């Protein structure tokens, strides 16, 4: 995977695509967890969302950038 991507004549980091992808995955997980009421088992839903995003983004970044 390239380290930089040309987007409208501007170079952006390659992790930007990973970031956007992780946001979409988090949005899907958040929708499913909220729909089935699983947030009642979590102490603080906002902290859970942030921690889940960091785990997804860290894992994806480590997998794509060895």
N, C-alpha and C. Protein backbone atom coordinates (compact mmCIF):
# COMPACT_ATOMS: atom_id res chain seq x y z
N UNK A 1 0.85 -1.18 0.00
CA UNK A 1 0.00 0.00 0.00
C UNK A 1 0.89 1.24 0.00
N UNK A 2 0.57 2.22 -0.84
CA UNK A 2 1.41 3.42 -0.89
C UNK A 2 1.29 4.23 0.40
N UNK A 3 2.38 4.91 0.72
CA UNK A 3 2.41 5.73 1.93
C UNK A 3 1.64 7.03 1.75
N UNK A 4 1.57 7.54 0.53
CA UNK A 4 0.83 8.77 0.25
C UNK A 4 -0.03 8.55 -0.99
N UNK A 5 -1.18 9.21 -1.00
CA UNK A 5 -2.13 9.07 -2.11
C UNK A 5 -2.42 10.47 -2.65
N UNK A 6 -2.41 10.61 -3.96
CA UNK A 6 -2.73 11.90 -4.58
C UNK A 6 -4.25 12.04 -4.66
N UNK A 7 -4.76 13.03 -3.97
CA UNK A 7 -6.20 13.27 -3.94
C UNK A 7 -6.44 14.73 -4.32
N UNK A 8 -6.92 14.95 -5.53
CA UNK A 8 -7.16 16.30 -6.05
C UNK A 8 -5.89 17.13 -6.00
N UNK A 9 -4.80 16.58 -6.50
CA UNK A 9 -3.49 17.23 -6.56
C UNK A 9 -2.91 17.56 -5.18
N UNK A 10 -3.38 16.90 -4.16
CA UNK A 10 -2.81 17.05 -2.82
C UNK A 10 -2.44 15.67 -2.32
N UNK A 11 -1.29 15.56 -1.71
CA UNK A 11 -0.85 14.29 -1.16
C UNK A 11 -1.42 14.13 0.25
N UNK A 12 -2.15 13.05 0.46
CA UNK A 12 -2.72 12.77 1.78
C UNK A 12 -2.13 11.44 2.26
N UNK A 13 -2.04 11.25 3.56
CA UNK A 13 -1.49 9.99 4.06
C UNK A 13 -2.36 8.80 3.65
N UNK A 14 -1.71 7.68 3.45
CA UNK A 14 -2.44 6.46 3.09
C UNK A 14 -3.34 5.97 4.20
N UNK A 15 -3.02 6.34 5.42
CA UNK A 15 -3.86 5.93 6.55
C UNK A 15 -5.21 6.64 6.57
N UNK A 16 -5.37 7.66 5.74
CA UNK A 16 -6.66 8.34 5.67
C UNK A 16 -7.74 7.39 5.18
N UNK A 17 -7.42 6.56 4.21
CA UNK A 17 -8.39 5.57 3.73
C UNK A 17 -8.70 4.54 4.81
N UNK A 18 -7.69 4.15 5.57
CA UNK A 18 -7.91 3.22 6.67
C UNK A 18 -8.80 3.86 7.73
N UNK A 19 -8.57 5.14 8.00
CA UNK A 19 -9.37 5.89 8.98
C UNK A 19 -10.84 5.92 8.56
N UNK A 20 -11.08 6.27 7.31
CA UNK A 20 -12.46 6.35 6.82
C UNK A 20 -13.11 4.96 6.83
N UNK A 21 -12.36 3.95 6.45
CA UNK A 21 -12.89 2.59 6.49
C UNK A 21 -13.24 2.14 7.90
N UNK A 22 -12.40 2.48 8.85
CA UNK A 22 -12.67 2.12 10.24
C UNK A 22 -13.88 2.89 10.78
N UNK A 23 -14.06 4.13 10.33
CA UNK A 23 -15.26 4.88 10.74
C UNK A 23 -16.52 4.21 10.21
N UNK A 24 -16.47 3.71 8.98
CA UNK A 24 -17.64 3.03 8.41
C UNK A 24 -17.92 1.72 9.14
N UNK A 25 -16.87 0.98 9.46
CA UNK A 25 -17.05 -0.27 10.21
C UNK A 25 -17.61 0.02 11.60
N UNK A 26 -17.08 1.06 12.25
CA UNK A 26 -17.58 1.43 13.57
C UNK A 26 -19.04 1.85 13.51
N UNK A 27 -19.41 2.58 12.47
CA UNK A 27 -20.80 2.99 12.31
C UNK A 27 -21.72 1.77 12.19
N UNK A 28 -21.29 0.78 11.44
CA UNK A 28 -22.08 -0.45 11.31
C UNK A 28 -22.19 -1.20 12.61
N UNK A 29 -21.07 -1.34 13.32
CA UNK A 29 -21.09 -2.04 14.61
C UNK A 29 -21.95 -1.28 15.61
N UNK A 30 -21.84 0.05 15.61
CA UNK A 30 -22.62 0.88 16.53
C UNK A 30 -24.11 0.74 16.27
N UNK A 31 -24.48 0.66 15.00
CA UNK A 31 -25.89 0.49 14.65
C UNK A 31 -26.41 -0.85 15.14
N UNK A 32 -25.65 -1.89 14.94
CA UNK A 32 -26.07 -3.23 15.36
C UNK A 32 -26.16 -3.32 16.89
N UNK A 33 -25.13 -2.81 17.57
CA UNK A 33 -25.12 -2.88 19.03
C UNK A 33 -26.26 -2.04 19.62
N UNK A 34 -26.52 -0.87 19.05
CA UNK A 34 -27.61 -0.03 19.53
C UNK A 34 -28.98 -0.61 19.24
N UNK A 35 -29.11 -1.26 18.10
CA UNK A 35 -30.41 -1.83 17.74
C UNK A 35 -30.81 -2.98 18.66
N UNK A 36 -29.84 -3.78 19.07
CA UNK A 36 -30.16 -4.93 19.92
C UNK A 36 -30.02 -4.63 21.41
N UNK A 37 -29.75 -3.38 21.76
CA UNK A 37 -29.71 -2.98 23.15
C UNK A 37 -28.54 -3.53 23.94
N UNK A 38 -27.42 -3.74 23.28
CA UNK A 38 -26.26 -4.30 23.97
C UNK A 38 -25.47 -3.26 24.74
N UNK A 39 -25.81 -1.98 24.56
CA UNK A 39 -25.10 -0.93 25.29
C UNK A 39 -25.43 -0.93 26.78
N UNK A 40 -26.49 -1.63 27.18
CA UNK A 40 -26.81 -1.68 28.61
C UNK A 40 -25.80 -2.53 29.39
N UNK A 41 -25.00 -3.33 28.68
CA UNK A 41 -23.96 -4.13 29.32
C UNK A 41 -22.61 -3.41 29.36
N UNK A 42 -22.55 -2.20 28.83
CA UNK A 42 -21.32 -1.43 28.76
C UNK A 42 -21.41 -0.32 29.80
N UNK A 43 -20.30 -0.09 30.51
CA UNK A 43 -20.31 0.91 31.57
C UNK A 43 -20.52 2.32 31.03
N UNK A 44 -19.79 2.69 29.98
CA UNK A 44 -19.88 4.03 29.41
C UNK A 44 -19.87 3.90 27.89
N UNK A 45 -21.02 4.03 27.23
CA UNK A 45 -21.09 3.80 25.78
C UNK A 45 -20.16 4.67 24.95
N UNK A 46 -19.97 5.93 25.33
CA UNK A 46 -19.10 6.80 24.54
C UNK A 46 -17.65 6.34 24.61
N UNK A 47 -17.20 5.96 25.79
CA UNK A 47 -15.84 5.45 25.92
C UNK A 47 -15.67 4.13 25.19
N UNK A 48 -16.72 3.32 25.19
CA UNK A 48 -16.68 2.06 24.46
C UNK A 48 -16.51 2.30 22.96
N UNK A 49 -17.24 3.30 22.43
CA UNK A 49 -17.13 3.61 21.00
C UNK A 49 -15.72 4.08 20.64
N UNK A 50 -15.17 4.96 21.47
CA UNK A 50 -13.82 5.46 21.20
C UNK A 50 -12.80 4.34 21.28
N UNK A 51 -12.90 3.50 22.31
CA UNK A 51 -11.96 2.40 22.47
C UNK A 51 -12.08 1.39 21.32
N UNK A 52 -13.30 1.13 20.89
CA UNK A 52 -13.51 0.21 19.77
C UNK A 52 -12.91 0.79 18.49
N UNK A 53 -13.07 2.10 18.27
CA UNK A 53 -12.47 2.71 17.10
C UNK A 53 -10.95 2.62 17.15
N UNK A 54 -10.35 2.90 18.30
CA UNK A 54 -8.89 2.81 18.42
C UNK A 54 -8.41 1.38 18.17
N UNK A 55 -9.14 0.41 18.64
CA UNK A 55 -8.75 -0.99 18.41
C UNK A 55 -8.85 -1.33 16.92
N UNK A 56 -9.93 -0.93 16.28
CA UNK A 56 -10.09 -1.20 14.84
C UNK A 56 -9.02 -0.50 14.02
N UNK A 57 -8.79 0.78 14.31
CA UNK A 57 -7.82 1.56 13.55
C UNK A 57 -6.40 1.06 13.78
N UNK A 58 -6.08 0.72 15.01
CA UNK A 58 -4.74 0.19 15.31
C UNK A 58 -4.50 -1.15 14.64
N UNK A 59 -5.49 -2.03 14.70
CA UNK A 59 -5.35 -3.35 14.08
C UNK A 59 -5.22 -3.22 12.56
N UNK A 60 -6.06 -2.40 11.96
CA UNK A 60 -6.00 -2.22 10.50
C UNK A 60 -4.70 -1.57 10.08
N UNK A 61 -4.24 -0.60 10.84
CA UNK A 61 -2.96 0.05 10.51
C UNK A 61 -1.79 -0.89 10.63
N UNK A 62 -1.80 -1.72 11.64
CA UNK A 62 -0.70 -2.68 11.81
C UNK A 62 -0.74 -3.78 10.75
N UNK A 63 -1.92 -4.16 10.33
CA UNK A 63 -2.03 -5.20 9.31
C UNK A 63 -1.61 -4.68 7.93
N UNK A 64 -1.93 -3.43 7.63
CA UNK A 64 -1.64 -2.90 6.30
C UNK A 64 -0.25 -2.28 6.19
N UNK A 65 0.33 -1.86 7.30
CA UNK A 65 1.66 -1.25 7.31
C UNK A 65 2.58 -2.07 8.20
N UNK A 66 3.14 -3.15 7.68
CA UNK A 66 4.01 -3.99 8.53
C UNK A 66 5.34 -3.34 8.84
